Amino acid sequence: MIVAFLSVTSKVAASASATRIFDIPFYFSSNEWHLLLEILAILSMILGNLIAITQTSMKRMLAYSSIGQIGYVIIGIIVGDSNGGYASMITYMLFYISMNLGTFACIVSFDPFLALSLALCLLSLGGLPPLAGFFGKLHLFWCGWQAGLYFLVSIGLLTSVVSIYYYLKIIKLLMTGRNQEITPHVRNYIRSPLRSNNSIELSMIVCVIASTIPGISMNPIIAIAQDTLF
């Protein structure tokens, strides 16, 4: 779970910092940093997802997929506060935290009945309806479309379709070669009689719920993010 924590905290911190740095100190040079962020978003979405397809290691596949995910978040940063870009970006980041942590919680558990939970988290990351990831991406892309970022949104839609393929590939990898991706240290930690899987299972349940149900109430969530943070 340390890997999962590190995989999301850096992105959350970078996104939160970017909303302040680009909106206040560099407000009057928005054209210049918009161009740089657009290039970064395109490279992140395309390279992150295409390289993820070629991976045979579950960990590396998830690592490269996170690069693609940050490309979607950059769209919200580029849109800014005028069209609800920041609110949609923060909302998607909240969904992403639950989806990513839920995925890792399922990975480190050996209960075969968690396959459905793992599939829900991964497919939510891919943006499959009616999961929370779908509505998060939909609102994020819609804000980008309204701001005139047609090319970026088109790239995001295409790479989201691509990501569904390798997320399904991860599910297959876990079900057929799970032990090859679990180190002996993690296996001994899980099976130790002095520790319980209850905390992992509880966190997994919370993350799965947060990855599926909140999508049907996007408008209140977006409104809270808009009113509270901006």
C-alpha atoms as a PDB file:
ATOM      1  CA  MET A   1       0.000   0.000   0.000  1.00  0.00           C
ATOM      2  CA  ILE A   2       3.036   2.296   0.322  1.00  0.00           C
ATOM      3  CA  VAL A   3       3.447   2.096  -3.453  1.00  0.00           C
ATOM      4  CA  ALA A   4      -0.206   2.998  -3.904  1.00  0.00           C
ATOM      5  CA  PHE A   5       0.134   5.935  -1.528  1.00  0.00           C
ATOM      6  CA  LEU A   6       3.180   7.279  -3.338  1.00  0.00           C
ATOM      7  CA  SER A   7       1.522   6.806  -6.726  1.00  0.00           C
ATOM      8  CA  VAL A   8      -1.346   9.167  -5.892  1.00  0.00           C
ATOM      9  CA  THR A   9       0.121  11.704  -3.476  1.00  0.00           C
ATOM     10  CA  SER A  10       2.641  13.066  -5.980  1.00  0.00           C
ATOM     11  CA  LYS A  11      -0.070  13.638  -8.577  1.00  0.00           C
ATOM     12  CA  VAL A  12      -2.451  15.245  -6.095  1.00  0.00           C
ATOM     13  CA  ALA A  13       0.274  17.552  -4.787  1.00  0.00           C
ATOM     14  CA  ALA A  14       1.424  18.497  -8.290  1.00  0.00           C
ATOM     15  CA  SER A  15      -2.137  19.194  -9.460  1.00  0.00           C
ATOM     16  CA  ALA A  16      -2.980  21.298  -6.416  1.00  0.00           C
ATOM     17  CA  SER A  17       0.242  23.279  -6.780  1.00  0.00           C
ATOM     18  CA  ALA A  18      -0.343  23.828 -10.492  1.00  0.00           C
ATOM     19  CA  THR A  19      -3.769  25.372  -9.907  1.00  0.00           C
ATOM     20  CA  ARG A  20      -2.147  28.020  -7.708  1.00  0.00           C
ATOM     21  CA  ILE A  21       1.099  28.556  -9.585  1.00  0.00           C
ATOM     22  CA  PHE A  22      -0.462  28.952 -13.027  1.00  0.00           C
ATOM     23  CA  ASP A  23      -3.498  30.875 -11.816  1.00  0.00           C
ATOM     24  CA  ILE A  24      -1.693  33.528  -9.750  1.00  0.00           C
ATOM     25  CA  PRO A  25       2.012  34.149 -10.569  1.00  0.00           C
ATOM     26  CA  PHE A  26       1.713  33.229 -14.276  1.00  0.00           C
ATOM     27  CA  TYR A  27      -1.789  34.549 -14.875  1.00  0.00           C
ATOM     28  CA  PHE A  28      -0.654  37.159 -17.416  1.00  0.00           C
ATOM     29  CA  SER A  29       1.467  34.686 -19.381  1.00  0.00           C
ATOM     30  CA  SER A  30      -1.291  32.111 -19.782  1.00  0.00           C
ATOM     31  CA  ASN A  31      -0.744  31.669 -23.541  1.00  0.00           C
ATOM     32  CA  GLU A  32       2.823  30.480 -23.021  1.00  0.00           C
ATOM     33  CA  TRP A  33       2.145  27.921 -20.284  1.00  0.00           C
ATOM     34  CA  HIS A  34      -1.068  26.789 -21.963  1.00  0.00           C
ATOM     35  CA  LEU A  35       0.990  25.678 -24.956  1.00  0.00           C
ATOM     36  CA  LEU A  36       3.512  23.860 -22.776  1.00  0.00           C
ATOM     37  CA  LEU A  37       0.770  22.099 -20.820  1.00  0.00           C
ATOM     38  CA  GLU A  38      -1.037  21.080 -24.010  1.00  0.00           C
ATOM     39  CA  ILE A  39       2.144  19.459 -25.317  1.00  0.00           C
ATOM     40  CA  LEU A  40       2.703  17.758 -21.959  1.00  0.00           C
ATOM     41  CA  ALA A  41      -0.894  16.501 -21.869  1.00  0.00           C
ATOM     42  CA  ILE A  42      -0.664  15.058 -25.394  1.00  0.00           C
ATOM     43  CA  LEU A  43       2.630  13.304 -24.664  1.00  0.00           C
ATOM     44  CA  SER A  44       1.337  11.966 -21.348  1.00  0.00           C
ATOM     45  CA  MET A  45      -1.895  10.571 -22.775  1.00  0.00           C
ATOM     46  CA  ILE A  46      -0.354   9.034 -25.893  1.00  0.00           C
ATOM     47  CA  LEU A  47       2.967   7.724 -24.586  1.00  0.00           C
ATOM     48  CA  GLY A  48       1.618   6.645 -21.201  1.00  0.00           C
ATOM     49  CA  ASN A  49      -1.171   4.550 -22.690  1.00  0.00           C
ATOM     50  CA  LEU A  50       0.760   3.156 -25.658  1.00  0.00           C
ATOM     51  CA  ILE A  51       3.721   2.070 -23.535  1.00  0.00           C
ATOM     52  CA  ALA A  52       1.345   0.568 -20.968  1.00  0.00           C
ATOM     53  CA  ILE A  53      -0.042  -1.756 -23.647  1.00  0.00           C
ATOM     54  CA  THR A  54       3.394  -3.260 -24.274  1.00  0.00           C
ATOM     55  CA  GLN A  55       4.094  -4.076 -20.627  1.00  0.00           C
ATOM     56  CA  THR A  56       3.936  -7.606 -19.276  1.00  0.00           C
ATOM     57  CA  SER A  57       4.540  -6.567 -15.672  1.00  0.00           C
ATOM     58  CA  MET A  58       1.447  -5.534 -13.748  1.00  0.00           C
ATOM     59  CA  LYS A  59       3.328  -2.896 -11.744  1.00  0.00           C
ATOM     60  CA  ARG A  60       4.915  -1.257 -14.760  1.00  0.00           C
ATOM     61  CA  MET A  61       1.617  -1.322 -16.595  1.00  0.00           C
ATOM     62  CA  LEU A  62      -0.089   0.530 -13.748  1.00  0.00           C
ATOM     63  CA  ALA A  63       2.843   2.954 -13.551  1.00  0.00           C
ATOM     64  CA  TYR A  64       2.601   3.905 -17.222  1.00  0.00           C
ATOM     65  CA  SER A  65      -1.176   4.107 -17.029  1.00  0.00           C
ATOM     66  CA  SER A  66      -0.793   6.695 -14.263  1.00  0.00           C
ATOM     67  CA  ILE A  67       1.206   8.811 -16.711  1.00  0.00           C
ATOM     68  CA  GLY A  68      -1.764   8.711 -19.065  1.00  0.00           C
ATOM     69  CA  GLN A  69      -4.107   9.620 -16.212  1.00  0.00           C
ATOM     70  CA  ILE A  70      -2.171  12.784 -15.391  1.00  0.00           C
ATOM     71  CA  GLY A  71      -2.630  13.850 -19.009  1.00  0.00           C
ATOM     72  CA  TYR A  72      -6.402  13.934 -18.473  1.00  0.00           C
ATOM     73  CA  VAL A  73      -5.925  15.987 -15.308  1.00  0.00           C
ATOM     74  CA  ILE A  74      -3.837  18.545 -17.201  1.00  0.00           C
ATOM     75  CA  ILE A  75      -6.871  19.288 -19.380  1.00  0.00           C
ATOM     76  CA  GLY A  76      -8.668  20.613 -16.307  1.00  0.00           C
ATOM     77  CA  ILE A  77      -5.647  22.720 -15.365  1.00  0.00           C
ATOM     78  CA  ILE A  78      -5.541  24.252 -18.843  1.00  0.00           C
ATOM     79  CA  VAL A  79      -9.256  25.053 -18.777  1.00  0.00           C
ATOM     80  CA  GLY A  80      -8.840  26.832 -15.451  1.00  0.00           C
ATOM     81  CA  ASP A  81     -11.551  28.164 -13.187  1.00  0.00           C
ATOM     82  CA  SER A  82     -13.561  29.993 -15.856  1.00  0.00           C
ATOM     83  CA  ASN A  83     -15.272  26.888 -17.256  1.00  0.00           C
ATOM     84  CA  GLY A  84     -15.179  24.727 -14.146  1.00  0.00           C
ATOM     85  CA  GLY A  85     -11.896  23.098 -15.140  1.00  0.00           C
ATOM     86  CA  TYR A  86     -10.360  23.200 -11.682  1.00  0.00           C
ATOM     87  CA  ALA A  87     -13.476  21.791 -10.018  1.00  0.00           C
ATOM     88  CA  SER A  88     -13.742  18.947 -12.542  1.00  0.00           C
ATOM     89  CA  MET A  89     -10.019  18.265 -12.218  1.00  0.00           C
ATOM     90  CA  ILE A  90     -10.190  18.044  -8.427  1.00  0.00           C
ATOM     91  CA  THR A  91     -13.291  15.852  -8.595  1.00  0.00           C
ATOM     92  CA  TYR A  92     -11.572  13.475 -11.014  1.00  0.00           C
ATOM     93  CA  MET A  93      -8.489  13.401  -8.785  1.00  0.00           C
ATOM     94  CA  LEU A  94     -10.674  12.350  -5.839  1.00  0.00           C
ATOM     95  CA  PHE A  95     -12.106   9.552  -7.967  1.00  0.00           C
ATOM     96  CA  TYR A  96      -8.620   8.639  -9.152  1.00  0.00           C
ATOM     97  CA  ILE A  97      -7.358   8.297  -5.579  1.00  0.00           C
ATOM     98  CA  SER A  98     -10.131   5.847  -4.716  1.00  0.00           C
ATOM     99  CA  MET A  99      -9.752   3.929  -7.988  1.00  0.00           C
ATOM    100  CA  ASN A 100      -5.990   3.601  -7.701  1.00  0.00           C
ATOM    101  CA  LEU A 101      -5.921   2.713  -4.010  1.00  0.00           C
ATOM    102  CA  GLY A 102      -8.736   0.229  -4.578  1.00  0.00           C
ATOM    103  CA  THR A 103      -6.745  -1.420  -7.352  1.00  0.00           C
ATOM    104  CA  PHE A 104      -3.675  -1.864  -5.160  1.00  0.00           C
ATOM    105  CA  ALA A 105      -5.797  -3.077  -2.248  1.00  0.00           C
ATOM    106  CA  CYS A 106      -7.173  -5.838  -4.461  1.00  0.00           C
ATOM    107  CA  ILE A 107      -3.744  -6.684  -5.815  1.00  0.00           C
ATOM    108  CA  VAL A 108      -2.193  -7.367  -2.414  1.00  0.00           C
ATOM    109  CA  SER A 109      -5.101  -9.575  -1.366  1.00  0.00           C
ATOM    110  CA  PHE A 110      -5.264 -13.256  -2.331  1.00  0.00           C
ATOM    111  CA  ASP A 111      -9.027 -13.657  -2.017  1.00  0.00           C
ATOM    112  CA  PRO A 112     -10.285 -14.818  -5.442  1.00  0.00           C
ATOM    113  CA  PHE A 113     -13.673 -13.237  -4.771  1.00  0.00           C
ATOM    114  CA  LEU A 114     -12.048  -9.810  -4.997  1.00  0.00           C
ATOM    115  CA  ALA A 115     -11.790 -10.182  -8.770  1.00  0.00           C
ATOM    116  CA  LEU A 116     -15.044  -8.274  -9.219  1.00  0.00           C
ATOM    117  CA  SER A 117     -13.825  -5.443  -6.996  1.00  0.00           C
ATOM    118  CA  LEU A 118     -10.574  -5.287  -8.925  1.00  0.00           C
ATOM    119  CA  ALA A 119     -12.446  -5.220 -12.225  1.00  0.00           C
ATOM    120  CA  LEU A 120     -14.658  -2.362 -11.035  1.00  0.00           C
ATOM    121  CA  CYS A 121     -11.684  -0.245  -9.989  1.00  0.00           C
ATOM    122  CA  LEU A 122      -9.761  -0.915 -13.192  1.00  0.00           C
ATOM    123  CA  LEU A 123     -12.736  -0.336 -15.480  1.00  0.00           C
ATOM    124  CA  SER A 124     -13.516   2.846 -13.580  1.00  0.00           C
ATOM    125  CA  LEU A 125      -9.941   3.955 -14.271  1.00  0.00           C
ATOM    126  CA  GLY A 126     -10.580   3.205 -17.929  1.00  0.00           C
ATOM    127  CA  GLY A 127     -13.726   5.342 -17.883  1.00  0.00           C
ATOM    128  CA  LEU A 128     -16.313   2.651 -18.532  1.00  0.00           C
ATOM    129  CA  PRO A 129     -19.913   3.699 -17.762  1.00  0.00           C
ATOM    130  CA  PRO A 130     -21.682   3.832 -15.388  1.00  0.00           C
ATOM    131  CA  LEU A 131     -18.702   3.917 -13.009  1.00  0.00           C
ATOM    132  CA  ALA A 132     -17.376   7.032 -11.299  1.00  0.00           C
ATOM    133  CA  GLY A 133     -14.343   7.251 -13.578  1.00  0.00           C
ATOM    134  CA  PHE A 134     -16.625   7.584 -16.598  1.00  0.00           C
ATOM    135  CA  PHE A 135     -18.547  10.523 -15.170  1.00  0.00           C
ATOM    136  CA  GLY A 136     -15.343  12.142 -13.922  1.00  0.00           C
ATOM    137  CA  LYS A 137     -13.759  11.952 -17.362  1.00  0.00           C
ATOM    138  CA  LEU A 138     -16.996  12.985 -19.048  1.00  0.00           C
ATOM    139  CA  HIS A 139     -17.213  16.188 -17.034  1.00  0.00           C
ATOM    140  CA  LEU A 140     -13.498  16.858 -17.454  1.00  0.00           C
ATOM    141  CA  PHE A 141     -13.660  16.375 -21.221  1.00  0.00           C
ATOM    142  CA  TRP A 142     -16.846  18.416 -21.484  1.00  0.00           C
ATOM    143  CA  CYS A 143     -15.172  21.348 -19.747  1.00  0.00           C
ATOM    144  CA  GLY A 144     -12.261  21.021 -22.158  1.00  0.00           C
ATOM    145  CA  TRP A 145     -14.626  20.871 -25.134  1.00  0.00           C
ATOM    146  CA  GLN A 146     -16.427  24.026 -24.003  1.00  0.00           C
ATOM    147  CA  ALA A 147     -13.051  25.768 -23.667  1.00  0.00           C
ATOM    148  CA  GLY A 148     -12.197  24.900 -27.281  1.00  0.00           C
ATOM    149  CA  LEU A 149      -9.654  22.170 -26.537  1.00  0.00           C
ATOM    150  CA  TYR A 150     -11.092  19.924 -29.235  1.00  0.00           C
ATOM    151  CA  PHE A 151      -7.836  18.195 -30.144  1.00  0.00           C
ATOM    152  CA  LEU A 152      -6.900  17.446 -26.530  1.00  0.00           C
ATOM    153  CA  VAL A 153     -10.355  16.076 -25.774  1.00  0.00           C
ATOM    154  CA  SER A 154     -10.245  13.895 -28.893  1.00  0.00           C
ATOM    155  CA  ILE A 155      -6.870  12.479 -27.837  1.00  0.00           C
ATOM    156  CA  GLY A 156      -8.266  11.867 -24.353  1.00  0.00           C
ATOM    157  CA  LEU A 157     -11.253   9.974 -25.706  1.00  0.00           C
ATOM    158  CA  LEU A 158      -9.130   7.776 -27.961  1.00  0.00           C
ATOM    159  CA  THR A 159      -6.561   6.963 -25.293  1.00  0.00           C
ATOM    160  CA  SER A 160      -9.339   6.195 -22.798  1.00  0.00           C
ATOM    161  CA  VAL A 161     -10.603   3.523 -25.178  1.00  0.00           C
ATOM    162  CA  VAL A 162      -7.072   2.164 -25.477  1.00  0.00           C
ATOM    163  CA  SER A 163      -6.690   2.060 -21.693  1.00  0.00           C
ATOM    164  CA  ILE A 164      -9.715  -0.217 -21.318  1.00  0.00           C
ATOM    165  CA  TYR A 165      -7.824  -2.864 -23.290  1.00  0.00           C
ATOM    166  CA  TYR A 166      -4.793  -3.014 -21.006  1.00  0.00           C
ATOM    167  CA  TYR A 167      -6.869  -2.700 -17.847  1.00  0.00           C
ATOM    168  CA  LEU A 168      -8.621  -5.870 -18.967  1.00  0.00           C
ATOM    169  CA  LYS A 169      -5.156  -7.263 -19.601  1.00  0.00           C
ATOM    170  CA  ILE A 170      -4.236  -6.496 -15.985  1.00  0.00           C
ATOM    171  CA  ILE A 171      -7.275  -8.441 -14.777  1.00  0.00           C
ATOM    172  CA  LYS A 172      -6.197 -11.422 -16.856  1.00  0.00           C
ATOM    173  CA  LEU A 173      -2.616 -11.123 -15.593  1.00  0.00           C
ATOM    174  CA  LEU A 174      -3.710 -11.061 -11.979  1.00  0.00           C
ATOM    175  CA  MET A 175      -5.990 -14.044 -12.372  1.00  0.00           C
ATOM    176  CA  THR A 176      -3.392 -16.173 -14.172  1.00  0.00           C
ATOM    177  CA  GLY A 177      -0.012 -15.019 -12.834  1.00  0.00           C
ATOM    178  CA  ARG A 178      -0.756 -13.160  -9.623  1.00  0.00           C
ATOM    179  CA  ASN A 179       2.020 -14.726  -7.537  1.00  0.00           C
ATOM    180  CA  GLN A 180       4.714 -13.659  -9.989  1.00  0.00           C
ATOM    181  CA  GLU A 181       3.994 -10.024  -9.178  1.00  0.00           C
ATOM    182  CA  ILE A 182       3.863 -10.402  -5.375  1.00  0.00           C
ATOM    183  CA  THR A 183       7.202 -10.285  -3.567  1.00  0.00           C
ATOM    184  CA  PRO A 184       7.925 -12.770  -0.731  1.00  0.00           C
ATOM    185  CA  HIS A 185       8.011  -9.856   1.722  1.00  0.00           C
ATOM    186  CA  VAL A 186       4.469  -8.814   0.831  1.00  0.00           C
ATOM    187  CA  ARG A 187       3.281 -12.428   0.858  1.00  0.00           C
ATOM    188  CA  ASN A 188       4.743 -13.021   4.322  1.00  0.00           C
ATOM    189  CA  TYR A 189       3.266  -9.768   5.566  1.00  0.00           C
ATOM    190  CA  ILE A 190      -0.209 -10.775   4.434  1.00  0.00           C
ATOM    191  CA  ARG A 191      -0.036 -14.299   5.773  1.00  0.00           C
ATOM    192  CA  SER A 192       1.487 -13.379   9.112  1.00  0.00           C
ATOM    193  CA  PRO A 193      -0.764 -14.571  11.999  1.00  0.00           C
ATOM    194  CA  LEU A 194       0.023 -11.366  13.878  1.00  0.00           C
ATOM    195  CA  ARG A 195      -1.708  -9.262  11.252  1.00  0.00           C
ATOM    196  CA  SER A 196      -5.148  -9.231   9.745  1.00  0.00           C
ATOM    197  CA  ASN A 197      -6.445  -8.589   6.262  1.00  0.00           C
ATOM    198  CA  ASN A 198      -9.390  -6.683   7.708  1.00  0.00           C
ATOM    199  CA  SER A 199      -7.770  -3.287   7.188  1.00  0.00           C
ATOM    200  CA  ILE A 200      -6.943  -4.089   3.568  1.00  0.00           C
ATOM    201  CA  GLU A 201     -10.412  -5.448   2.902  1.00  0.00           C
ATOM    202  CA  LEU A 202     -12.049  -2.446   4.567  1.00  0.00           C
ATOM    203  CA  SER A 203      -9.988   0.020   2.549  1.00  0.00           C
ATOM    204  CA  MET A 204     -10.753  -1.957  -0.591  1.00  0.00           C
ATOM    205  CA  ILE A 205     -14.502  -1.821   0.077  1.00  0.00           C
ATOM    206  CA  VAL A 206     -14.384   1.933   0.702  1.00  0.00           C
ATOM    207  CA  CYS A 207     -12.362   2.525  -2.454  1.00  0.00           C
ATOM    208  CA  VAL A 208     -14.623   0.343  -4.599  1.00  0.00           C
ATOM    209  CA  ILE A 209     -17.716   2.189  -3.361  1.00  0.00           C
ATOM    210  CA  ALA A 210     -16.027   5.531  -4.037  1.00  0.00           C
ATOM    211  CA  SER A 211     -15.056   4.296  -7.520  1.00  0.00           C
ATOM    212  CA  THR A 212     -18.583   3.317  -8.524  1.00  0.00           C
ATOM    213  CA  ILE A 213     -21.422   5.092  -6.724  1.00  0.00           C
ATOM    214  CA  PRO A 214     -20.415   8.817  -6.646  1.00  0.00           C
ATOM    215  CA  GLY A 215     -20.582   9.056 -10.432  1.00  0.00           C
ATOM    216  CA  ILE A 216     -24.384   9.217 -10.387  1.00  0.00           C
ATOM    217  CA  SER A 217     -24.265  12.382  -8.248  1.00  0.00           C
ATOM    218  CA  MET A 218     -21.665  14.362 -10.165  1.00  0.00           C
ATOM    219  CA  ASN A 219     -23.455  17.723 -10.120  1.00  0.00           C
ATOM    220  CA  PRO A 220     -23.529  18.066  -6.298  1.00  0.00           C
ATOM    221  CA  ILE A 221     -19.900  16.931  -6.079  1.00  0.00           C
ATOM    222  CA  ILE A 222     -18.806  19.435  -8.710  1.00  0.00           C
ATOM    223  CA  ALA A 223     -20.824  22.169  -7.001  1.00  0.00           C
ATOM    224  CA  ILE A 224     -19.179  21.441  -3.652  1.00  0.00           C
ATOM    225  CA  ALA A 225     -15.708  21.515  -5.230  1.00  0.00           C
ATOM    226  CA  GLN A 226     -16.519  24.765  -7.025  1.00  0.00           C
ATOM    227  CA  ASP A 227     -17.978  26.542  -3.998  1.00  0.00           C
ATOM    228  CA  THR A 228     -15.494  25.256  -1.454  1.00  0.00           C
ATOM    229  CA  LEU A 229     -12.208  25.606  -3.280  1.00  0.00           C
ATOM    230  CA  PHE A 230     -12.767  28.472  -5.670  1.00  0.00           C
END
